[in-house]
Amino acid sequence: MRREELTEEICKNLIERAIETLPYAYTPYSHFKVAAALLAENGKIYTGCNIENASYTPTSCAERTAFFKAVSEGICHFDAIAIVGGKEGVLEQFCPPCGVCRQVMAEFCHPKKFFIILARSKEEFQIYTLEEILPFGFSPENLSN
């Protein structure tokens, strides 16, 4: 996807889907709810929320939940993801993806053509490419050399 193809309407739709998913976050320990809406190249949207675990390591981020849902259904090409999050689900700040989620994005997304939308609301959001938030990322191309 080219930046000019990522319209305000597409961004707002993804943000709305992420906000709708936020109540499903399972966060009894951190109380920091995160939700994501992932736009596949075929136009389908996959949502995800964070799911915590008492032993912490098995916790799954919202972004990875959305990616793994899509990949488990045979979808491996993506255009954009919207991410929302905050303590008790209150969207007071932008919620960037963690390093592990960025690495998962690098596995499936073109660094210059995949867009990450960080939002506090449908009206207040920022757009970055994967390359901007993961410079010098390690991807499948590194293993093919």
N, C-alpha and C. Protein backbone atom coordinates (compact mmCIF):
# COMPACT_ATOMS: atom_id res chain seq x y z
N MET A 1 0.85 -1.18 0.00
CA MET A 1 0.00 0.00 0.00
C MET A 1 0.90 1.24 0.00
N ARG A 2 0.49 2.22 -0.76
CA ARG A 2 1.21 3.49 -0.76
C ARG A 2 0.52 4.43 0.23
N ARG A 3 1.28 5.36 0.78
CA ARG A 3 0.75 6.27 1.79
C ARG A 3 -0.51 6.99 1.31
N GLU A 4 -0.55 7.40 0.06
CA GLU A 4 -1.73 8.12 -0.45
C GLU A 4 -2.97 7.21 -0.54
N GLU A 5 -2.77 5.91 -0.52
CA GLU A 5 -3.90 4.97 -0.53
C GLU A 5 -4.49 4.76 0.87
N LEU A 6 -3.72 5.10 1.88
CA LEU A 6 -4.19 4.98 3.26
C LEU A 6 -5.01 6.22 3.60
N THR A 7 -6.28 6.18 3.24
CA THR A 7 -7.15 7.34 3.39
C THR A 7 -7.54 7.56 4.84
N GLU A 8 -8.04 8.74 5.12
CA GLU A 8 -8.54 9.04 6.47
C GLU A 8 -9.69 8.11 6.83
N GLU A 9 -10.51 7.76 5.85
CA GLU A 9 -11.63 6.84 6.09
C GLU A 9 -11.14 5.46 6.51
N ILE A 10 -10.11 4.96 5.84
CA ILE A 10 -9.53 3.67 6.21
C ILE A 10 -8.96 3.74 7.62
N CYS A 11 -8.20 4.79 7.91
CA CYS A 11 -7.62 4.96 9.25
C CYS A 11 -8.70 4.98 10.32
N LYS A 12 -9.73 5.78 10.12
CA LYS A 12 -10.79 5.90 11.13
C LYS A 12 -11.55 4.59 11.31
N ASN A 13 -11.74 3.83 10.23
CA ASN A 13 -12.41 2.54 10.34
C ASN A 13 -11.56 1.57 11.16
N LEU A 14 -10.26 1.54 10.91
CA LEU A 14 -9.37 0.67 11.69
C LEU A 14 -9.34 1.08 13.15
N ILE A 15 -9.25 2.36 13.40
CA ILE A 15 -9.24 2.86 14.79
C ILE A 15 -10.53 2.47 15.49
N GLU A 16 -11.66 2.65 14.81
CA GLU A 16 -12.95 2.30 15.41
C GLU A 16 -13.02 0.82 15.75
N ARG A 17 -12.54 -0.03 14.85
CA ARG A 17 -12.54 -1.48 15.12
C ARG A 17 -11.64 -1.81 16.31
N ALA A 18 -10.48 -1.13 16.41
CA ALA A 18 -9.59 -1.36 17.55
C ALA A 18 -10.25 -0.92 18.85
N ILE A 19 -10.89 0.24 18.85
CA ILE A 19 -11.57 0.74 20.06
C ILE A 19 -12.69 -0.21 20.46
N GLU A 20 -13.42 -0.75 19.50
CA GLU A 20 -14.50 -1.70 19.80
C GLU A 20 -13.96 -2.98 20.44
N THR A 21 -12.72 -3.35 20.13
CA THR A 21 -12.10 -4.56 20.66
C THR A 21 -11.51 -4.37 22.05
N LEU A 22 -11.23 -3.13 22.43
CA LEU A 22 -10.55 -2.82 23.70
C LEU A 22 -11.21 -3.46 24.92
N PRO A 23 -12.54 -3.50 25.04
CA PRO A 23 -13.13 -4.11 26.24
C PRO A 23 -12.82 -5.60 26.43
N TYR A 24 -12.40 -6.28 25.37
CA TYR A 24 -12.10 -7.71 25.46
C TYR A 24 -10.70 -7.99 26.01
N ALA A 25 -9.89 -6.97 26.16
CA ALA A 25 -8.54 -7.17 26.70
C ALA A 25 -8.63 -7.79 28.09
N TYR A 26 -7.78 -8.78 28.32
CA TYR A 26 -7.73 -9.48 29.61
C TYR A 26 -6.47 -9.01 30.32
N THR A 27 -6.64 -8.06 31.26
CA THR A 27 -5.48 -7.42 31.88
C THR A 27 -5.63 -7.32 33.41
N PRO A 28 -5.79 -8.46 34.10
CA PRO A 28 -5.99 -8.39 35.54
C PRO A 28 -4.75 -7.96 36.32
N TYR A 29 -3.58 -7.92 35.69
CA TYR A 29 -2.34 -7.61 36.40
C TYR A 29 -1.87 -6.18 36.13
N SER A 30 -1.74 -5.81 34.88
CA SER A 30 -1.25 -4.46 34.56
C SER A 30 -2.39 -3.45 34.45
N HIS A 31 -3.59 -3.94 34.14
CA HIS A 31 -4.76 -3.08 33.90
C HIS A 31 -4.53 -2.14 32.72
N PHE A 32 -3.54 -2.46 31.87
CA PHE A 32 -3.23 -1.67 30.69
C PHE A 32 -3.80 -2.40 29.48
N LYS A 33 -4.93 -1.93 29.00
CA LYS A 33 -5.64 -2.58 27.91
C LYS A 33 -5.12 -2.06 26.56
N VAL A 34 -4.89 -2.99 25.63
CA VAL A 34 -4.45 -2.64 24.29
C VAL A 34 -5.28 -3.44 23.29
N ALA A 35 -5.65 -2.79 22.19
CA ALA A 35 -6.37 -3.47 21.12
C ALA A 35 -5.80 -3.01 19.78
N ALA A 36 -5.94 -3.88 18.78
CA ALA A 36 -5.42 -3.59 17.46
C ALA A 36 -6.40 -4.07 16.40
N ALA A 37 -6.37 -3.38 15.26
CA ALA A 37 -7.13 -3.80 14.08
C ALA A 37 -6.17 -3.83 12.91
N LEU A 38 -5.99 -5.01 12.34
CA LEU A 38 -5.01 -5.27 11.31
C LEU A 38 -5.69 -5.40 9.96
N LEU A 39 -5.28 -4.59 9.00
CA LEU A 39 -5.85 -4.62 7.65
C LEU A 39 -5.01 -5.50 6.75
N ALA A 40 -5.61 -6.61 6.31
CA ALA A 40 -4.92 -7.51 5.39
C ALA A 40 -4.96 -6.93 3.98
N GLU A 41 -4.03 -7.38 3.15
CA GLU A 41 -3.96 -6.92 1.77
C GLU A 41 -5.26 -7.19 1.02
N ASN A 42 -6.00 -8.25 1.41
CA ASN A 42 -7.25 -8.59 0.75
C ASN A 42 -8.44 -7.77 1.24
N GLY A 43 -8.22 -6.84 2.18
CA GLY A 43 -9.27 -5.96 2.68
C GLY A 43 -9.93 -6.42 3.97
N LYS A 44 -9.66 -7.64 4.41
CA LYS A 44 -10.26 -8.14 5.64
C LYS A 44 -9.52 -7.55 6.85
N ILE A 45 -10.28 -7.30 7.91
CA ILE A 45 -9.71 -6.75 9.15
C ILE A 45 -9.71 -7.82 10.23
N TYR A 46 -8.57 -7.98 10.88
CA TYR A 46 -8.41 -8.91 11.99
C TYR A 46 -8.14 -8.09 13.24
N THR A 47 -8.90 -8.36 14.29
CA THR A 47 -8.72 -7.62 15.54
C THR A 47 -8.00 -8.48 16.56
N GLY A 48 -7.42 -7.82 17.54
CA GLY A 48 -6.76 -8.52 18.63
C GLY A 48 -6.69 -7.64 19.85
N CYS A 49 -6.57 -8.27 21.00
CA CYS A 49 -6.40 -7.53 22.25
C CYS A 49 -5.32 -8.23 23.06
N ASN A 50 -4.77 -7.53 24.04
CA ASN A 50 -3.76 -8.18 24.86
C ASN A 50 -4.43 -9.13 25.85
N ILE A 51 -3.70 -10.22 26.12
CA ILE A 51 -4.20 -11.27 27.00
C ILE A 51 -3.06 -11.60 27.96
N GLU A 52 -3.22 -11.20 29.21
CA GLU A 52 -2.15 -11.39 30.20
C GLU A 52 -2.24 -12.77 30.85
N ASN A 53 -1.15 -13.13 31.51
CA ASN A 53 -1.05 -14.40 32.21
C ASN A 53 -0.29 -14.15 33.51
N ALA A 54 -0.66 -14.84 34.55
CA ALA A 54 -0.04 -14.64 35.87
C ALA A 54 1.47 -14.85 35.83
N SER A 55 1.97 -15.70 34.95
CA SER A 55 3.41 -15.90 34.88
C SER A 55 4.08 -14.98 33.86
N TYR A 56 3.35 -14.02 33.33
CA TYR A 56 3.82 -12.94 32.44
C TYR A 56 4.37 -13.40 31.09
N THR A 57 5.30 -14.32 31.04
CA THR A 57 5.91 -14.71 29.77
C THR A 57 4.88 -15.14 28.72
N PRO A 58 3.84 -15.90 29.07
CA PRO A 58 2.87 -16.30 28.04
C PRO A 58 1.91 -15.19 27.60
N THR A 59 2.04 -14.01 28.16
CA THR A 59 1.18 -12.89 27.78
C THR A 59 1.31 -12.63 26.28
N SER A 60 0.19 -12.31 25.64
CA SER A 60 0.18 -12.00 24.21
C SER A 60 -0.31 -10.58 24.00
N CYS A 61 0.44 -9.83 23.21
CA CYS A 61 0.06 -8.45 22.89
C CYS A 61 -1.09 -8.44 21.89
N ALA A 62 -1.79 -7.33 21.83
CA ALA A 62 -2.91 -7.18 20.90
C ALA A 62 -2.46 -7.34 19.46
N GLU A 63 -1.33 -6.74 19.10
CA GLU A 63 -0.85 -6.79 17.74
C GLU A 63 -0.54 -8.21 17.31
N ARG A 64 0.15 -8.96 18.16
CA ARG A 64 0.47 -10.35 17.82
C ARG A 64 -0.79 -11.21 17.77
N THR A 65 -1.75 -10.93 18.64
CA THR A 65 -3.01 -11.67 18.59
C THR A 65 -3.68 -11.48 17.23
N ALA A 66 -3.73 -10.24 16.74
CA ALA A 66 -4.34 -9.96 15.44
C ALA A 66 -3.56 -10.65 14.31
N PHE A 67 -2.23 -10.53 14.34
CA PHE A 67 -1.42 -11.17 13.30
C PHE A 67 -1.61 -12.68 13.31
N PHE A 68 -1.57 -13.27 14.49
CA PHE A 68 -1.64 -14.73 14.55
C PHE A 68 -3.03 -15.24 14.16
N LYS A 69 -4.07 -14.47 14.45
CA LYS A 69 -5.41 -14.84 13.97
C LYS A 69 -5.42 -14.89 12.45
N ALA A 70 -4.87 -13.86 11.84
CA ALA A 70 -4.85 -13.78 10.38
C ALA A 70 -4.00 -14.90 9.78
N VAL A 71 -2.80 -15.07 10.28
CA VAL A 71 -1.90 -16.08 9.74
C VAL A 71 -2.49 -17.48 9.92
N SER A 72 -3.16 -17.72 11.05
CA SER A 72 -3.77 -19.03 11.27
C SER A 72 -4.92 -19.31 10.30
N GLU A 73 -5.39 -18.27 9.61
CA GLU A 73 -6.42 -18.43 8.58
C GLU A 73 -5.83 -18.34 7.17
N GLY A 74 -4.49 -18.38 7.08
CA GLY A 74 -3.83 -18.41 5.79
C GLY A 74 -3.53 -17.05 5.18
N ILE A 75 -3.71 -15.98 5.93
CA ILE A 75 -3.46 -14.63 5.43
C ILE A 75 -2.09 -14.17 5.93
N CYS A 76 -1.22 -13.79 5.00
CA CYS A 76 0.15 -13.41 5.37
C CYS A 76 0.61 -12.09 4.77
N HIS A 77 -0.29 -11.31 4.18
CA HIS A 77 0.09 -10.04 3.56
C HIS A 77 -0.79 -8.94 4.13
N PHE A 78 -0.15 -7.87 4.61
CA PHE A 78 -0.88 -6.84 5.35
C PHE A 78 -0.50 -5.44 4.89
N ASP A 79 -1.44 -4.51 5.08
CA ASP A 79 -1.24 -3.12 4.68
C ASP A 79 -1.06 -2.16 5.86
N ALA A 80 -1.82 -2.37 6.94
CA ALA A 80 -1.81 -1.40 8.04
C ALA A 80 -2.36 -2.03 9.31
N ILE A 81 -2.03 -1.39 10.44
CA ILE A 81 -2.58 -1.79 11.73
C ILE A 81 -2.84 -0.53 12.54
N ALA A 82 -3.98 -0.50 13.22
CA ALA A 82 -4.29 0.58 14.16
C ALA A 82 -4.15 0.02 15.56
N ILE A 83 -3.54 0.79 16.45
CA ILE A 83 -3.30 0.35 17.82
C ILE A 83 -3.79 1.42 18.78
N VAL A 84 -4.57 0.99 19.76
CA VAL A 84 -5.04 1.88 20.82
C VAL A 84 -4.76 1.21 22.15
N GLY A 85 -4.59 2.00 23.20
CA GLY A 85 -4.38 1.39 24.50
C GLY A 85 -4.21 2.42 25.59
N GLY A 86 -4.39 1.94 26.83
CA GLY A 86 -4.21 2.81 27.97
C GLY A 86 -4.62 2.12 29.26
N LYS A 87 -4.18 2.67 30.36
CA LYS A 87 -4.51 2.15 31.69
C LYS A 87 -6.03 2.14 31.85
N GLU A 88 -6.56 0.99 32.24
CA GLU A 88 -8.01 0.78 32.42
C GLU A 88 -8.78 1.05 31.11
N GLY A 89 -8.07 1.05 29.98
CA GLY A 89 -8.71 1.25 28.69
C GLY A 89 -8.97 2.70 28.34
N VAL A 90 -8.42 3.62 29.12
CA VAL A 90 -8.58 5.05 28.85
C VAL A 90 -7.49 5.47 27.86
N LEU A 91 -7.87 6.03 26.73
CA LEU A 91 -6.93 6.36 25.66
C LEU A 91 -6.36 7.76 25.85
N GLU A 92 -5.42 7.90 26.78
CA GLU A 92 -4.81 9.20 27.07
C GLU A 92 -3.50 9.41 26.33
N GLN A 93 -2.91 8.34 25.84
CA GLN A 93 -1.60 8.44 25.19
C GLN A 93 -1.58 7.55 23.96
N PHE A 94 -0.60 7.76 23.09
CA PHE A 94 -0.40 6.85 21.97
C PHE A 94 0.28 5.60 22.51
N CYS A 95 -0.04 4.47 21.92
CA CYS A 95 0.44 3.19 22.42
C CYS A 95 1.22 2.47 21.31
N PRO A 96 2.53 2.70 21.23
CA PRO A 96 3.32 2.06 20.18
C PRO A 96 3.53 0.57 20.45
N PRO A 97 3.77 -0.22 19.42
CA PRO A 97 3.99 -1.65 19.61
C PRO A 97 5.33 -1.93 20.29
N CYS A 98 5.36 -3.00 21.06
CA CYS A 98 6.60 -3.40 21.72
C CYS A 98 7.58 -3.95 20.68
N GLY A 99 8.78 -4.21 21.10
CA GLY A 99 9.81 -4.73 20.20
C GLY A 99 9.47 -6.08 19.60
N VAL A 100 8.88 -6.97 20.39
CA VAL A 100 8.51 -8.29 19.88
C VAL A 100 7.45 -8.16 18.80
N CYS A 101 6.47 -7.30 19.00
CA CYS A 101 5.43 -7.08 17.99
C CYS A 101 6.02 -6.47 16.72
N ARG A 102 6.96 -5.58 16.88
CA ARG A 102 7.62 -4.99 15.71
C ARG A 102 8.34 -6.07 14.91
N GLN A 103 8.95 -7.01 15.62
CA GLN A 103 9.65 -8.10 14.94
C GLN A 103 8.66 -9.01 14.20
N VAL A 104 7.49 -9.27 14.78
CA VAL A 104 6.46 -10.05 14.09
C VAL A 104 6.01 -9.31 12.84
N MET A 105 5.84 -8.00 12.94
CA MET A 105 5.47 -7.21 11.76
C MET A 105 6.53 -7.34 10.67
N ALA A 106 7.80 -7.34 11.06
CA ALA A 106 8.89 -7.47 10.09
C ALA A 106 8.85 -8.80 9.36
N GLU A 107 8.30 -9.81 9.98
CA GLU A 107 8.19 -11.13 9.35
C GLU A 107 7.21 -11.11 8.19
N PHE A 108 6.14 -10.33 8.31
CA PHE A 108 5.05 -10.40 7.34
C PHE A 108 4.83 -9.13 6.51
N CYS A 109 5.49 -8.04 6.83
CA CYS A 109 5.14 -6.75 6.22
C CYS A 109 6.34 -6.08 5.57
N HIS A 110 6.07 -5.41 4.47
CA HIS A 110 7.12 -4.63 3.80
C HIS A 110 7.41 -3.39 4.64
N PRO A 111 8.66 -3.14 5.00
CA PRO A 111 8.97 -2.04 5.92
C PRO A 111 8.58 -0.65 5.41
N LYS A 112 8.58 -0.45 4.11
CA LYS A 112 8.24 0.87 3.56
C LYS A 112 6.75 0.99 3.23
N LYS A 113 6.03 -0.13 3.17
CA LYS A 113 4.64 -0.12 2.70
C LYS A 113 3.63 -0.54 3.76
N PHE A 114 4.09 -0.88 4.95
CA PHE A 114 3.17 -1.25 6.03
C PHE A 114 3.07 -0.08 6.99
N PHE A 115 1.83 0.29 7.32
CA PHE A 115 1.60 1.48 8.13
C PHE A 115 1.07 1.13 9.51
N ILE A 116 1.62 1.80 10.52
CA ILE A 116 1.21 1.64 11.91
C ILE A 116 0.52 2.94 12.31
N ILE A 117 -0.75 2.80 12.69
CA ILE A 117 -1.57 3.95 13.08
C ILE A 117 -1.71 3.91 14.60
N LEU A 118 -1.15 4.89 15.27
CA LEU A 118 -1.26 5.00 16.73
C LEU A 118 -2.34 6.04 17.00
N ALA A 119 -3.34 5.67 17.81
CA ALA A 119 -4.49 6.56 17.98
C ALA A 119 -4.89 6.73 19.43
N ARG A 120 -5.37 7.93 19.72
CA ARG A 120 -6.04 8.22 21.00
C ARG A 120 -7.54 8.33 20.78
N SER A 121 -7.93 8.55 19.52
CA SER A 121 -9.34 8.62 19.13
C SER A 121 -9.38 8.54 17.61
N LYS A 122 -10.60 8.55 17.04
CA LYS A 122 -10.72 8.54 15.58
C LYS A 122 -10.24 9.86 14.98
N GLU A 123 -10.19 10.89 15.79
CA GLU A 123 -9.77 12.21 15.30
C GLU A 123 -8.29 12.50 15.56
N GLU A 124 -7.69 11.81 16.51
CA GLU A 124 -6.31 12.08 16.89
C GLU A 124 -5.45 10.83 16.72
N PHE A 125 -4.67 10.82 15.64
CA PHE A 125 -3.83 9.67 15.36
C PHE A 125 -2.58 10.08 14.61
N GLN A 126 -1.58 9.19 14.67
CA GLN A 126 -0.30 9.39 13.99
C GLN A 126 -0.04 8.15 13.13
N ILE A 127 0.60 8.36 11.99
CA ILE A 127 0.88 7.25 11.07
C ILE A 127 2.38 7.13 10.86
N TYR A 128 2.90 5.92 10.98
CA TYR A 128 4.31 5.62 10.77
C TYR A 128 4.42 4.42 9.85
N THR A 129 5.54 4.32 9.14
CA THR A 129 5.83 3.08 8.42
C THR A 129 6.54 2.15 9.40
N LEU A 130 6.54 0.87 9.07
CA LEU A 130 7.29 -0.08 9.88
C LEU A 130 8.77 0.28 9.89
N GLU A 131 9.28 0.73 8.77
CA GLU A 131 10.69 1.12 8.70
C GLU A 131 11.02 2.27 9.66
N GLU A 132 10.06 3.18 9.85
CA GLU A 132 10.30 4.31 10.75
C GLU A 132 10.37 3.87 12.21
N ILE A 133 9.59 2.86 12.58
CA ILE A 133 9.61 2.43 13.98
C ILE A 133 10.52 1.23 14.23
N LEU A 134 11.02 0.62 13.15
CA LEU A 134 11.95 -0.49 13.29
C LEU A 134 13.07 -0.35 12.25
N PRO A 135 13.93 0.66 12.44
CA PRO A 135 15.04 0.82 11.49
C PRO A 135 16.00 -0.36 11.62
N PHE A 136 16.54 -0.79 10.51
CA PHE A 136 17.48 -1.91 10.47
C PHE A 136 16.87 -3.19 11.05
N GLY A 137 15.58 -3.40 10.79
CA GLY A 137 14.90 -4.59 11.29
C GLY A 137 15.44 -5.87 10.67
N PHE A 138 15.36 -6.95 11.41
CA PHE A 138 15.77 -8.27 10.93
C PHE A 138 14.54 -8.93 10.32
N SER A 139 14.63 -9.36 9.06
CA SER A 139 13.47 -9.91 8.36
C SER A 139 13.88 -11.17 7.59
N PRO A 140 12.92 -11.83 6.96
CA PRO A 140 13.26 -13.02 6.17
C PRO A 140 14.34 -12.78 5.11
N GLU A 141 14.43 -11.55 4.59
CA GLU A 141 15.45 -11.23 3.60
C GLU A 141 16.86 -11.43 4.16
N ASN A 142 17.03 -11.20 5.46
CA ASN A 142 18.35 -11.40 6.07
C ASN A 142 18.79 -12.85 5.99
N LEU A 143 17.86 -13.77 6.01
CA LEU A 143 18.19 -15.20 5.99
C LEU A 143 18.39 -15.73 4.58
N SER A 144 17.96 -14.97 3.57
CA SER A 144 18.09 -15.45 2.19
C SER A 144 19.39 -15.04 1.56
N ASN A 145 20.18 -14.21 2.21
CA ASN A 145 21.47 -13.78 1.65
C ASN A 145 22.54 -14.83 1.84
